[in-house]
Amino acid sequence: MKKLLYIKASPRSEKSISLKLGDAYLGAYKEKYPDAQVDEIDLWHANLPEFDGDSAAAKVSFFGEAAMNEKQKTVYEELVSIFNRFNAADDYLFAVPMWNFGVPYKLKQYIDILSMPGTLFGFEPATGYIGLLKNKRATAVYTAAIYMPGLSKAYGTDHTTPYLTDWLNFAGIDDVTNVWFYGSKMREAEETNAALEESLSEVRAAAMRTSLLAPAK
């Protein structure tokens, strides 16, 4: 049975175009996989723990620093629990608005929580980082109010796509599809609507694409 984790990085609910695109993906995904299990995380209501000094101490203990104390062990168990929920999915869907040319801080916080050695990644001094997630794929839908490809840097720079894609690759997920809706404030209404319909078609196609991956047992 397929398992999808839908990660919502926009706080704008029904006004969010990225969530509209994500919901369109979800509808097509359910059509293709009617028995799929879908888990949704709204990062703005997820009560994520702060990645503070105790969290950092739990992380660096992997690299040979001092063993965790009892408080740090409790924090680490919470981080592992969040990771296990993430790791339970076969497919990932990210709905990501561009904020200040990057990802919203809640998504960055979530990524920092997930990025623990021994769970998400390993490390070998001779070869570097090793992604530990296998047989998974991801789709990310992005939106930007001003930024559009081909414009000068005065209109912004895309740090969202490379950041999230590189992180997914770092984790071991190489099957990544990105869909964009650009420049909602830069177009005339007719052009905006046409561009949105094109992006909606792209996310539906992404959801319906054939998976080469075996579902989790």
C-alpha atoms as a PDB file:
ATOM      1  CA  MET A   1       0.000   0.000   0.000  1.00  0.00           C
ATOM      2  CA  LYS A   2       1.350   3.409  -1.002  1.00  0.00           C
ATOM      3  CA  LYS A   3       1.922   6.009   1.686  1.00  0.00           C
ATOM      4  CA  LEU A   4       2.044   9.735   0.922  1.00  0.00           C
ATOM      5  CA  LEU A   5       3.184  12.471   3.302  1.00  0.00           C
ATOM      6  CA  TYR A   6       1.830  15.917   2.342  1.00  0.00           C
ATOM      7  CA  ILE A   7       3.939  18.680   3.914  1.00  0.00           C
ATOM      8  CA  LYS A   8       2.278  22.104   3.918  1.00  0.00           C
ATOM      9  CA  ALA A   9       4.723  24.989   4.261  1.00  0.00           C
ATOM     10  CA  SER A  10       2.267  27.855   3.668  1.00  0.00           C
ATOM     11  CA  PRO A  11       0.223  29.441   6.497  1.00  0.00           C
ATOM     12  CA  ARG A  12      -2.279  31.060   4.106  1.00  0.00           C
ATOM     13  CA  SER A  13      -4.801  28.182   4.043  1.00  0.00           C
ATOM     14  CA  GLU A  14      -7.456  28.756   1.349  1.00  0.00           C
ATOM     15  CA  LYS A  15      -5.593  31.817  -0.007  1.00  0.00           C
ATOM     16  CA  SER A  16      -2.440  29.814  -0.705  1.00  0.00           C
ATOM     17  CA  ILE A  17      -1.707  28.973  -4.329  1.00  0.00           C
ATOM     18  CA  SER A  18       0.950  26.445  -3.304  1.00  0.00           C
ATOM     19  CA  LEU A  19      -1.671  24.580  -1.244  1.00  0.00           C
ATOM     20  CA  LYS A  20      -4.114  24.767  -4.141  1.00  0.00           C
ATOM     21  CA  LEU A  21      -1.521  23.096  -6.336  1.00  0.00           C
ATOM     22  CA  GLY A  22      -0.725  20.577  -3.616  1.00  0.00           C
ATOM     23  CA  ASP A  23      -4.407  19.712  -3.210  1.00  0.00           C
ATOM     24  CA  ALA A  24      -4.682  19.167  -6.975  1.00  0.00           C
ATOM     25  CA  TYR A  25      -1.758  16.746  -6.765  1.00  0.00           C
ATOM     26  CA  LEU A  26      -3.418  14.984  -3.859  1.00  0.00           C
ATOM     27  CA  GLY A  27      -6.673  14.547  -5.771  1.00  0.00           C
ATOM     28  CA  ALA A  28      -4.883  12.986  -8.734  1.00  0.00           C
ATOM     29  CA  TYR A  29      -2.742  10.832  -6.441  1.00  0.00           C
ATOM     30  CA  LYS A  30      -5.845   9.416  -4.742  1.00  0.00           C
ATOM     31  CA  GLU A  31      -7.307   8.698  -8.150  1.00  0.00           C
ATOM     32  CA  LYS A  32      -4.231   6.728  -9.164  1.00  0.00           C
ATOM     33  CA  TYR A  33      -3.784   5.061  -5.777  1.00  0.00           C
ATOM     34  CA  PRO A  34      -7.293   4.825  -4.243  1.00  0.00           C
ATOM     35  CA  ASP A  35      -6.038   2.653  -1.370  1.00  0.00           C
ATOM     36  CA  ALA A  36      -3.138   4.930  -0.488  1.00  0.00           C
ATOM     37  CA  GLN A  37      -2.626   6.151   3.054  1.00  0.00           C
ATOM     38  CA  VAL A  38      -2.236   9.946   3.192  1.00  0.00           C
ATOM     39  CA  ASP A  39      -0.649  11.766   6.118  1.00  0.00           C
ATOM     40  CA  GLU A  40      -0.715  15.580   6.180  1.00  0.00           C
ATOM     41  CA  ILE A  41       1.529  17.887   8.190  1.00  0.00           C
ATOM     42  CA  ASP A  42       0.654  21.569   8.413  1.00  0.00           C
ATOM     43  CA  LEU A  43       3.977  22.914   9.617  1.00  0.00           C
ATOM     44  CA  TRP A  44       2.277  25.972  11.136  1.00  0.00           C
ATOM     45  CA  HIS A  45       0.216  23.824  13.508  1.00  0.00           C
ATOM     46  CA  ALA A  46       2.617  20.923  14.015  1.00  0.00           C
ATOM     47  CA  ASN A  47       4.062  22.094  17.361  1.00  0.00           C
ATOM     48  CA  LEU A  48       7.589  21.393  16.199  1.00  0.00           C
ATOM     49  CA  PRO A  49      10.241  21.384  18.940  1.00  0.00           C
ATOM     50  CA  GLU A  50      12.913  24.026  18.791  1.00  0.00           C
ATOM     51  CA  PHE A  51      16.205  22.753  17.434  1.00  0.00           C
ATOM     52  CA  ASP A  52      18.126  24.079  20.416  1.00  0.00           C
ATOM     53  CA  GLY A  53      21.321  23.238  22.270  1.00  0.00           C
ATOM     54  CA  ASP A  54      20.026  19.908  23.542  1.00  0.00           C
ATOM     55  CA  SER A  55      18.970  18.907  20.033  1.00  0.00           C
ATOM     56  CA  ALA A  56      22.364  19.918  18.666  1.00  0.00           C
ATOM     57  CA  ALA A  57      24.118  17.972  21.430  1.00  0.00           C
ATOM     58  CA  ALA A  58      22.098  14.876  20.585  1.00  0.00           C
ATOM     59  CA  LYS A  59      23.098  15.280  16.957  1.00  0.00           C
ATOM     60  CA  VAL A  60      26.833  15.775  17.435  1.00  0.00           C
ATOM     61  CA  SER A  61      27.099  12.827  19.834  1.00  0.00           C
ATOM     62  CA  PHE A  62      27.008  10.749  16.640  1.00  0.00           C
ATOM     63  CA  PHE A  63      30.361  12.280  15.687  1.00  0.00           C
ATOM     64  CA  GLY A  64      32.099  11.195  18.853  1.00  0.00           C
ATOM     65  CA  GLU A  65      31.382  14.125  21.168  1.00  0.00           C
ATOM     66  CA  ALA A  66      30.204  13.695  24.751  1.00  0.00           C
ATOM     67  CA  ALA A  67      27.434  11.160  25.403  1.00  0.00           C
ATOM     68  CA  MET A  68      23.934  12.554  25.821  1.00  0.00           C
ATOM     69  CA  ASN A  69      22.583  13.330  29.265  1.00  0.00           C
ATOM     70  CA  GLU A  70      19.056  12.286  30.257  1.00  0.00           C
ATOM     71  CA  LYS A  71      17.417  15.491  29.001  1.00  0.00           C
ATOM     72  CA  GLN A  72      19.208  15.215  25.682  1.00  0.00           C
ATOM     73  CA  LYS A  73      18.158  11.569  25.370  1.00  0.00           C
ATOM     74  CA  THR A  74      14.528  12.628  25.832  1.00  0.00           C
ATOM     75  CA  VAL A  75      14.940  15.318  23.171  1.00  0.00           C
ATOM     76  CA  TYR A  76      16.566  12.823  20.831  1.00  0.00           C
ATOM     77  CA  GLU A  77      13.677  10.398  21.247  1.00  0.00           C
ATOM     78  CA  GLU A  78      11.264  13.172  20.235  1.00  0.00           C
ATOM     79  CA  LEU A  79      13.351  13.968  17.166  1.00  0.00           C
ATOM     80  CA  VAL A  80      13.449  10.288  16.190  1.00  0.00           C
ATOM     81  CA  SER A  81       9.668  10.070  16.563  1.00  0.00           C
ATOM     82  CA  ILE A  82       9.242  12.981  14.120  1.00  0.00           C
ATOM     83  CA  PHE A  83      11.714  11.353  11.750  1.00  0.00           C
ATOM     84  CA  ASN A  84       9.912   8.007  11.914  1.00  0.00           C
ATOM     85  CA  ARG A  85       6.667   9.645  10.829  1.00  0.00           C
ATOM     86  CA  PHE A  86       8.523  11.175   7.877  1.00  0.00           C
ATOM     87  CA  ASN A  87      10.326   7.953   7.038  1.00  0.00           C
ATOM     88  CA  ALA A  88       7.087   5.934   6.999  1.00  0.00           C
ATOM     89  CA  ALA A  89       6.099   7.477   3.651  1.00  0.00           C
ATOM     90  CA  ASP A  90       6.891   6.181   0.181  1.00  0.00           C
ATOM     91  CA  ASP A  91       6.072   9.482  -1.542  1.00  0.00           C
ATOM     92  CA  TYR A  92       6.419  13.072  -0.376  1.00  0.00           C
ATOM     93  CA  LEU A  93       4.504  16.151  -1.459  1.00  0.00           C
ATOM     94  CA  PHE A  94       5.822  19.595  -0.471  1.00  0.00           C
ATOM     95  CA  ALA A  95       3.774  22.774  -0.969  1.00  0.00           C
ATOM     96  CA  VAL A  96       6.310  25.591  -0.722  1.00  0.00           C
ATOM     97  CA  PRO A  97       5.841  29.337  -1.252  1.00  0.00           C
ATOM     98  CA  MET A  98       9.015  31.331  -1.883  1.00  0.00           C
ATOM     99  CA  TRP A  99       9.789  33.554   1.103  1.00  0.00           C
ATOM    100  CA  ASN A 100      12.600  36.065   0.676  1.00  0.00           C
ATOM    101  CA  PHE A 101      14.040  33.905  -2.119  1.00  0.00           C
ATOM    102  CA  GLY A 102      14.176  30.820   0.119  1.00  0.00           C
ATOM    103  CA  VAL A 103      11.881  28.420   1.963  1.00  0.00           C
ATOM    104  CA  PRO A 104       9.610  29.451   4.876  1.00  0.00           C
ATOM    105  CA  TYR A 105      11.363  29.165   8.217  1.00  0.00           C
ATOM    106  CA  LYS A 106       8.965  26.487   9.454  1.00  0.00           C
ATOM    107  CA  LEU A 107      10.096  24.202   6.631  1.00  0.00           C
ATOM    108  CA  LYS A 108      13.738  24.932   7.444  1.00  0.00           C
ATOM    109  CA  GLN A 109      13.027  24.061  11.090  1.00  0.00           C
ATOM    110  CA  TYR A 110      11.386  20.792  10.045  1.00  0.00           C
ATOM    111  CA  ILE A 111      14.338  19.921   7.825  1.00  0.00           C
ATOM    112  CA  ASP A 112      16.792  20.641  10.650  1.00  0.00           C
ATOM    113  CA  ILE A 113      14.806  18.340  12.951  1.00  0.00           C
ATOM    114  CA  LEU A 114      14.777  15.539  10.378  1.00  0.00           C
ATOM    115  CA  SER A 115      18.455  15.828   9.460  1.00  0.00           C
ATOM    116  CA  MET A 116      19.904  13.569  12.125  1.00  0.00           C
ATOM    117  CA  PRO A 117      22.939  11.340  11.583  1.00  0.00           C
ATOM    118  CA  GLY A 118      22.182   7.652  11.822  1.00  0.00           C
ATOM    119  CA  THR A 119      18.563   8.190  10.744  1.00  0.00           C
ATOM    120  CA  LEU A 120      18.471  10.468   7.688  1.00  0.00           C
ATOM    121  CA  PHE A 121      22.144  10.265   6.755  1.00  0.00           C
ATOM    122  CA  GLY A 122      25.449   8.618   7.517  1.00  0.00           C
ATOM    123  CA  PHE A 123      28.981   9.882   7.050  1.00  0.00           C
ATOM    124  CA  GLU A 124      32.278   8.371   5.942  1.00  0.00           C
ATOM    125  CA  PRO A 125      35.407  10.557   6.099  1.00  0.00           C
ATOM    126  CA  ALA A 126      36.729   9.034   2.869  1.00  0.00           C
ATOM    127  CA  THR A 127      33.531   9.452   0.828  1.00  0.00           C
ATOM    128  CA  GLY A 128      31.351  12.048   2.574  1.00  0.00           C
ATOM    129  CA  TYR A 129      27.660  11.981   3.443  1.00  0.00           C
ATOM    130  CA  ILE A 130      25.469   8.971   2.696  1.00  0.00           C
ATOM    131  CA  GLY A 131      21.708   9.360   2.308  1.00  0.00           C
ATOM    132  CA  LEU A 132      19.881   6.625   4.197  1.00  0.00           C
ATOM    133  CA  LEU A 133      16.394   7.010   2.694  1.00  0.00           C
ATOM    134  CA  LYS A 134      15.773   4.467  -0.065  1.00  0.00           C
ATOM    135  CA  ASN A 135      12.974   3.659  -2.506  1.00  0.00           C
ATOM    136  CA  LYS A 136      11.227   6.992  -2.039  1.00  0.00           C
ATOM    137  CA  ARG A 137      10.251   9.843  -4.314  1.00  0.00           C
ATOM    138  CA  ALA A 138       9.206  13.453  -3.845  1.00  0.00           C
ATOM    139  CA  THR A 139       7.208  16.139  -5.599  1.00  0.00           C
ATOM    140  CA  ALA A 140       7.572  19.805  -4.669  1.00  0.00           C
ATOM    141  CA  VAL A 141       5.236  22.564  -5.813  1.00  0.00           C
ATOM    142  CA  TYR A 142       6.597  26.094  -5.544  1.00  0.00           C
ATOM    143  CA  THR A 143       5.024  29.521  -5.928  1.00  0.00           C
ATOM    144  CA  ALA A 144       6.419  33.037  -6.108  1.00  0.00           C
ATOM    145  CA  ALA A 145       4.558  36.338  -6.224  1.00  0.00           C
ATOM    146  CA  ILE A 146       7.263  38.286  -8.075  1.00  0.00           C
ATOM    147  CA  TYR A 147      10.129  35.997  -9.093  1.00  0.00           C
ATOM    148  CA  MET A 148      10.110  34.622 -12.636  1.00  0.00           C
ATOM    149  CA  PRO A 149      12.930  32.967 -14.620  1.00  0.00           C
ATOM    150  CA  GLY A 150      14.657  35.243 -17.072  1.00  0.00           C
ATOM    151  CA  LEU A 151      14.219  38.429 -15.053  1.00  0.00           C
ATOM    152  CA  SER A 152      17.133  40.277 -13.497  1.00  0.00           C
ATOM    153  CA  LYS A 153      18.160  39.733  -9.883  1.00  0.00           C
ATOM    154  CA  ALA A 154      16.201  42.865  -9.042  1.00  0.00           C
ATOM    155  CA  TYR A 155      13.165  40.562  -9.158  1.00  0.00           C
ATOM    156  CA  GLY A 156      14.648  37.873  -6.968  1.00  0.00           C
ATOM    157  CA  THR A 157      16.686  34.678  -7.107  1.00  0.00           C
ATOM    158  CA  ASP A 158      15.469  31.099  -6.727  1.00  0.00           C
ATOM    159  CA  HIS A 159      17.132  29.546  -3.694  1.00  0.00           C
ATOM    160  CA  THR A 160      14.076  27.407  -2.930  1.00  0.00           C
ATOM    161  CA  THR A 161      14.373  24.730  -5.628  1.00  0.00           C
ATOM    162  CA  PRO A 162      18.103  23.995  -5.229  1.00  0.00           C
ATOM    163  CA  TYR A 163      17.857  24.010  -1.433  1.00  0.00           C
ATOM    164  CA  LEU A 164      15.009  21.521  -1.133  1.00  0.00           C
ATOM    165  CA  THR A 165      16.161  19.363  -4.052  1.00  0.00           C
ATOM    166  CA  ASP A 166      19.726  19.181  -2.726  1.00  0.00           C
ATOM    167  CA  TRP A 167      18.431  18.258   0.730  1.00  0.00           C
ATOM    168  CA  LEU A 168      16.242  15.487  -0.675  1.00  0.00           C
ATOM    169  CA  ASN A 169      19.196  14.170  -2.689  1.00  0.00           C
ATOM    170  CA  PHE A 170      21.370  14.403   0.443  1.00  0.00           C
ATOM    171  CA  ALA A 171      18.795  12.233   2.235  1.00  0.00           C
ATOM    172  CA  GLY A 172      18.963   9.626  -0.530  1.00  0.00           C
ATOM    173  CA  ILE A 173      15.871  10.650  -2.544  1.00  0.00           C
ATOM    174  CA  ASP A 174      16.881  11.085  -6.170  1.00  0.00           C
ATOM    175  CA  ASP A 175      13.426  10.830  -7.776  1.00  0.00           C
ATOM    176  CA  VAL A 176      12.340  14.473  -7.362  1.00  0.00           C
ATOM    177  CA  THR A 177       9.826  16.368  -9.520  1.00  0.00           C
ATOM    178  CA  ASN A 178       9.504  20.141  -9.203  1.00  0.00           C
ATOM    179  CA  VAL A 179       6.506  22.180 -10.388  1.00  0.00           C
ATOM    180  CA  TRP A 180       6.460  25.989 -10.321  1.00  0.00           C
ATOM    181  CA  PHE A 181       3.857  28.726 -10.553  1.00  0.00           C
ATOM    182  CA  TYR A 182       5.691  32.009 -11.064  1.00  0.00           C
ATOM    183  CA  GLY A 183       4.949  35.689 -10.908  1.00  0.00           C
ATOM    184  CA  SER A 184       1.349  35.819  -9.754  1.00  0.00           C
ATOM    185  CA  LYS A 185       1.716  39.582  -9.171  1.00  0.00           C
ATOM    186  CA  MET A 186       3.620  40.171 -12.410  1.00  0.00           C
ATOM    187  CA  ARG A 187       1.017  39.026 -14.944  1.00  0.00           C
ATOM    188  CA  GLU A 188      -2.274  40.238 -16.293  1.00  0.00           C
ATOM    189  CA  ALA A 189      -5.283  38.297 -14.981  1.00  0.00           C
ATOM    190  CA  GLU A 190      -5.783  36.280 -18.157  1.00  0.00           C
ATOM    191  CA  GLU A 191      -2.120  35.304 -18.327  1.00  0.00           C
ATOM    192  CA  THR A 192      -2.098  34.454 -14.608  1.00  0.00           C
ATOM    193  CA  ASN A 193      -5.087  32.152 -14.970  1.00  0.00           C
ATOM    194  CA  ALA A 194      -3.537  30.408 -17.981  1.00  0.00           C
ATOM    195  CA  ALA A 195      -0.238  29.919 -16.155  1.00  0.00           C
ATOM    196  CA  LEU A 196      -2.042  28.529 -13.115  1.00  0.00           C
ATOM    197  CA  GLU A 197      -3.974  26.048 -15.242  1.00  0.00           C
ATOM    198  CA  GLU A 198      -0.689  24.925 -16.783  1.00  0.00           C
ATOM    199  CA  SER A 199       0.831  24.389 -13.323  1.00  0.00           C
ATOM    200  CA  LEU A 200      -2.277  22.494 -12.200  1.00  0.00           C
ATOM    201  CA  SER A 201      -1.909  20.199 -15.202  1.00  0.00           C
ATOM    202  CA  GLU A 202       1.751  19.641 -14.345  1.00  0.00           C
ATOM    203  CA  VAL A 203       1.042  18.668 -10.735  1.00  0.00           C
ATOM    204  CA  ARG A 204      -1.702  16.256 -11.799  1.00  0.00           C
ATOM    205  CA  ALA A 205       0.709  14.679 -14.285  1.00  0.00           C
ATOM    206  CA  ALA A 206       3.333  14.422 -11.551  1.00  0.00           C
ATOM    207  CA  ALA A 207       0.856  12.613  -9.300  1.00  0.00           C
ATOM    208  CA  MET A 208      -0.115  10.196 -12.061  1.00  0.00           C
ATOM    209  CA  ARG A 209       3.444   9.393 -13.138  1.00  0.00           C
ATOM    210  CA  THR A 210       4.429   5.762 -12.958  1.00  0.00           C
ATOM    211  CA  SER A 211       6.350   4.861  -9.859  1.00  0.00           C
ATOM    212  CA  LEU A 212       9.404   2.677 -10.252  1.00  0.00           C
ATOM    213  CA  LEU A 213       9.552   2.245  -6.515  1.00  0.00           C
ATOM    214  CA  ALA A 214       8.151  -0.576  -4.454  1.00  0.00           C
ATOM    215  CA  PRO A 215       5.749   0.458  -1.667  1.00  0.00           C
ATOM    216  CA  ALA A 216       6.879   0.004   1.919  1.00  0.00           C
ATOM    217  CA  LYS A 217       6.024  -3.322   3.521  1.00  0.00           C
END
